Amino acid sequence: MNSDIGPSVTKGRNWAFTAALLMLAVGAAALLYVLFAASSKPETGGGLSRYAVGEMAALTMLEDAPPIPTRTLADAAGAVASLPDFQGEVLVVNLWATWCAPCMEEMPTLGALQRRYEGRLRVIPISVDSEADLEKAERELARLSSGALPFFSDISRGVLFDLRAPGMPLTVIYNRRGEEIARLPGAAEWGGDDAAALLDAVLAEP
């Protein structure tokens, strides 16, 4: 029996081998593209999602974040102000009330945050207490923050709707352009290292 392989069979095997190598090369190129695209894609929230750990585990970045509220607020002296007045600074805005137990519990840590970053960012607590409770709210804020935080109020409570607050407390972080970059629903330890890592990253942004 003749065991020689004819030229046509040899060419067929060579073609099949070449086609297999080509398919492998295309597959490898596609895999490399996917891996490169994934590694080069910016993280949601400017990379702040990596700081959603520990005490900051509830940190959230909204793709459709509401604009910074322009609603009029009243300070301790009754003078009016609004959040856009502070544009150019990093803002940590906290919605709270004296009847909200978690709000009261976290307030000392927001005071500690302000002291730690004095002159570098501004913590702005906004009380949504009723008009009858404003004096109490001002007194409690001074006590809980050891005088570190300014008093602002919105007795209309409209700021809750402006920020689409799911509840209280709610803390929203704005960059120097007045854009919301992260929020944290619920109480947190703002005086600790997890919060410091987050805010250091925010302050490092140009």
Protein backbone atom coordinates (compact mmCIF):
# COMPACT_ATOMS: atom_id res chain seq x y z
CA MET A 1 0.00 0.00 0.00
CA ASN A 2 1.31 3.49 -0.84
CA SER A 3 1.59 5.54 2.37
CA ASP A 4 2.69 8.75 0.67
CA ILE A 5 0.42 11.78 1.34
CA GLY A 6 -0.57 13.55 -1.81
CA PRO A 7 0.24 17.26 -2.40
CA SER A 8 -3.44 18.25 -2.13
CA VAL A 9 -3.78 16.65 1.31
CA THR A 10 -0.61 18.36 2.53
CA LYS A 11 -1.80 21.74 1.27
CA GLY A 12 -5.14 21.19 2.99
CA ARG A 13 -3.49 20.48 6.31
CA ASN A 14 -1.21 23.49 5.96
CA TRP A 15 -4.21 25.71 5.24
CA ALA A 16 -6.08 24.36 8.24
CA PHE A 17 -3.05 24.93 10.48
CA THR A 18 -2.63 28.48 9.18
CA ALA A 19 -6.33 29.21 9.72
CA ALA A 20 -6.13 27.92 13.28
CA LEU A 21 -3.13 30.16 14.01
CA LEU A 22 -4.97 33.12 12.54
CA MET A 23 -8.02 32.48 14.71
CA LEU A 24 -5.84 32.22 17.80
CA ALA A 25 -4.12 35.51 16.92
CA VAL A 26 -7.45 37.28 16.42
CA GLY A 27 -8.77 35.89 19.70
CA ALA A 28 -5.65 36.98 21.57
CA ALA A 29 -5.88 40.47 20.06
CA ALA A 30 -9.54 40.75 21.09
CA LEU A 31 -8.74 39.64 24.63
CA LEU A 32 -5.91 42.16 24.93
CA TYR A 33 -8.23 44.92 23.69
CA VAL A 34 -10.88 44.09 26.28
CA LEU A 35 -8.33 43.97 29.09
CA PHE A 36 -6.76 47.26 28.00
CA ALA A 37 -10.13 48.97 27.67
CA ALA A 38 -11.19 47.79 31.13
CA SER A 39 -7.96 48.92 32.75
CA SER A 40 -7.96 52.31 31.04
CA LYS A 41 -11.64 53.12 31.65
CA PRO A 42 -11.98 55.80 34.35
CA GLU A 43 -13.75 54.78 37.53
CA THR A 44 -17.21 56.09 38.31
CA GLY A 45 -17.09 59.24 40.42
CA GLY A 46 -13.57 60.18 39.37
CA GLY A 47 -12.12 57.13 41.07
CA LEU A 48 -13.72 57.84 44.46
CA SER A 49 -15.45 54.46 44.51
CA ARG A 50 -12.22 52.96 45.85
CA TYR A 51 -12.81 54.90 49.09
CA ALA A 52 -16.19 53.27 49.73
CA VAL A 53 -14.73 51.11 52.48
CA GLY A 54 -14.87 50.93 56.26
CA GLU A 55 -16.74 53.90 57.72
CA MET A 56 -17.27 55.20 54.18
CA ALA A 57 -18.75 51.92 52.87
CA ALA A 58 -22.08 53.58 52.02
CA LEU A 59 -20.39 56.16 49.79
CA THR A 60 -22.30 56.52 46.51
CA MET A 61 -21.58 58.24 43.20
CA LEU A 62 -24.70 59.25 41.24
CA GLU A 63 -24.51 59.38 37.46
CA ASP A 64 -27.47 61.81 37.43
CA ALA A 65 -26.64 63.82 40.54
CA PRO A 66 -28.91 66.83 41.10
CA PRO A 67 -27.35 70.30 40.74
CA ILE A 68 -26.19 72.08 43.85
CA PRO A 69 -29.26 73.63 45.52
CA THR A 70 -29.67 77.37 45.09
CA ARG A 71 -32.33 77.51 47.79
CA THR A 72 -31.98 80.33 50.31
CA LEU A 73 -30.65 79.30 53.71
CA ALA A 74 -30.65 81.28 56.94
CA ASP A 75 -27.59 81.52 59.16
CA ALA A 76 -27.53 81.92 62.93
CA ALA A 77 -28.02 85.70 62.64
CA GLY A 78 -30.93 85.32 60.25
CA ALA A 79 -28.89 86.48 57.25
CA VAL A 80 -29.49 84.63 53.99
CA ALA A 81 -26.99 82.58 52.04
CA SER A 82 -26.95 79.75 49.51
CA LEU A 83 -24.55 76.95 48.70
CA PRO A 84 -23.34 78.50 45.40
CA ASP A 85 -21.96 81.36 47.53
CA PHE A 86 -19.19 78.95 48.55
CA GLN A 87 -18.23 77.84 45.04
CA GLY A 88 -14.47 77.58 44.74
CA GLU A 89 -14.24 75.50 47.91
CA VAL A 90 -14.71 71.80 48.55
CA LEU A 91 -17.99 71.48 50.45
CA VAL A 92 -19.22 68.74 52.76
CA VAL A 93 -22.95 69.44 53.09
CA ASN A 94 -24.88 67.59 55.79
CA LEU A 95 -28.66 67.49 56.17
CA TRP A 96 -29.72 67.00 59.78
CA ALA A 97 -32.31 67.73 62.46
CA THR A 98 -32.46 67.52 66.25
CA TRP A 99 -35.21 64.88 66.04
CA CYS A 100 -32.93 62.63 63.97
CA ALA A 101 -30.93 60.50 66.42
CA PRO A 102 -28.29 59.30 63.89
CA CYS A 103 -27.79 62.94 62.84
CA MET A 104 -27.02 63.93 66.40
CA GLU A 105 -24.70 60.98 66.88
CA GLU A 106 -22.53 61.76 63.86
CA MET A 107 -22.40 65.55 64.32
CA PRO A 108 -19.33 65.51 66.62
CA THR A 109 -17.41 63.65 63.90
CA LEU A 110 -18.31 66.34 61.35
CA GLY A 111 -16.99 68.90 63.80
CA ALA A 112 -13.77 66.90 64.03
CA LEU A 113 -13.59 66.81 60.24
CA GLN A 114 -13.87 70.60 60.04
CA ARG A 115 -11.14 71.10 62.62
CA ARG A 116 -8.86 68.65 60.82
CA TYR A 117 -9.31 70.40 57.46
CA GLU A 118 -9.76 73.98 58.63
CA GLY A 119 -9.00 76.35 55.76
CA ARG A 120 -9.00 73.50 53.20
CA LEU A 121 -12.67 72.57 52.99
CA ARG A 122 -15.95 73.75 54.46
CA VAL A 123 -18.43 71.57 56.35
CA ILE A 124 -21.94 73.00 56.05
CA PRO A 125 -24.64 71.38 58.19
CA ILE A 126 -28.17 72.39 57.17
CA SER A 127 -30.84 71.97 59.82
CA VAL A 128 -34.34 71.13 58.63
CA ASP A 129 -35.86 71.63 62.07
CA SER A 130 -39.08 73.60 62.33
CA GLU A 131 -38.95 77.30 63.08
CA ALA A 132 -39.99 76.63 66.68
CA ASP A 133 -36.92 74.41 67.18
CA LEU A 134 -34.28 76.61 65.55
CA GLU A 135 -32.85 77.93 68.81
CA LYS A 136 -32.58 74.38 70.11
CA ALA A 137 -30.92 73.26 66.87
CA GLU A 138 -28.39 76.09 66.98
CA ARG A 139 -27.59 75.31 70.62
CA GLU A 140 -27.22 71.58 69.97
CA LEU A 141 -25.00 72.12 66.92
CA ALA A 142 -22.66 74.33 68.93
CA ARG A 143 -22.51 71.75 71.70
CA LEU A 144 -22.06 68.68 69.51
CA SER A 145 -19.43 70.24 67.24
CA SER A 146 -17.67 72.16 70.03
CA GLY A 147 -18.36 75.34 68.10
CA ALA A 148 -16.55 74.16 64.95
CA LEU A 149 -19.54 74.26 62.60
CA PRO A 150 -21.66 77.15 61.32
CA PHE A 151 -25.41 77.07 61.67
CA PHE A 152 -27.63 77.10 58.58
CA SER A 153 -31.29 76.19 58.37
CA ASP A 154 -34.03 75.55 55.85
CA ILE A 155 -37.36 75.50 57.66
CA SER A 156 -39.15 74.76 54.36
CA ARG A 157 -37.24 71.45 54.18
CA GLY A 158 -37.16 71.94 50.44
CA VAL A 159 -33.45 71.13 50.38
CA LEU A 160 -34.41 67.51 51.09
CA PHE A 161 -36.24 67.41 47.76
CA ASP A 162 -33.54 69.40 45.96
CA LEU A 163 -31.01 66.73 46.89
CA ARG A 164 -33.40 63.80 46.50
CA ALA A 165 -32.55 62.77 50.05
CA PRO A 166 -33.64 59.18 50.80
CA GLY A 167 -33.61 60.04 54.50
CA MET A 168 -31.39 61.66 57.09
CA PRO A 169 -28.67 62.20 57.74
CA LEU A 170 -27.36 62.71 54.23
CA THR A 171 -23.90 64.07 53.47
CA VAL A 172 -23.07 65.36 49.98
CA ILE A 173 -19.58 66.29 48.79
CA TYR A 174 -19.08 69.01 46.17
CA ASN A 175 -15.91 69.82 44.30
CA ARG A 176 -14.63 73.36 43.79
CA ARG A 177 -16.82 73.77 40.70
CA GLY A 178 -19.96 73.13 42.74
CA GLU A 179 -20.51 69.67 41.27
CA GLU A 180 -21.67 66.77 43.41
CA ILE A 181 -19.01 64.07 43.29
CA ALA A 182 -20.17 61.74 46.06
CA ARG A 183 -22.79 61.29 48.75
CA LEU A 184 -23.19 59.16 51.82
CA PRO A 185 -26.69 58.36 53.11
CA GLY A 186 -26.88 57.54 56.80
CA ALA A 187 -24.55 58.30 59.67
CA ALA A 188 -20.80 57.81 59.41
CA GLU A 189 -17.57 58.43 61.32
CA TRP A 190 -16.28 61.56 59.60
CA GLY A 191 -13.43 62.10 62.01
CA GLY A 192 -11.61 58.86 61.16
CA ASP A 193 -8.96 57.72 58.71
CA ASP A 194 -11.42 56.39 56.12
CA ALA A 195 -13.02 59.83 55.77
CA ALA A 196 -9.58 61.47 55.71
CA ALA A 197 -8.46 59.25 52.83
CA LEU A 198 -11.58 60.21 50.88
CA LEU A 199 -11.28 63.93 51.50
CA ASP A 200 -7.54 63.94 50.80
CA ALA A 201 -8.34 62.46 47.38
CA VAL A 202 -11.02 65.09 46.75
CA LEU A 203 -8.71 67.92 47.75
CA ALA A 204 -5.94 66.56 45.50
CA GLU A 205 -8.10 66.98 42.41
CA PRO A 206 -7.23 70.06 40.34
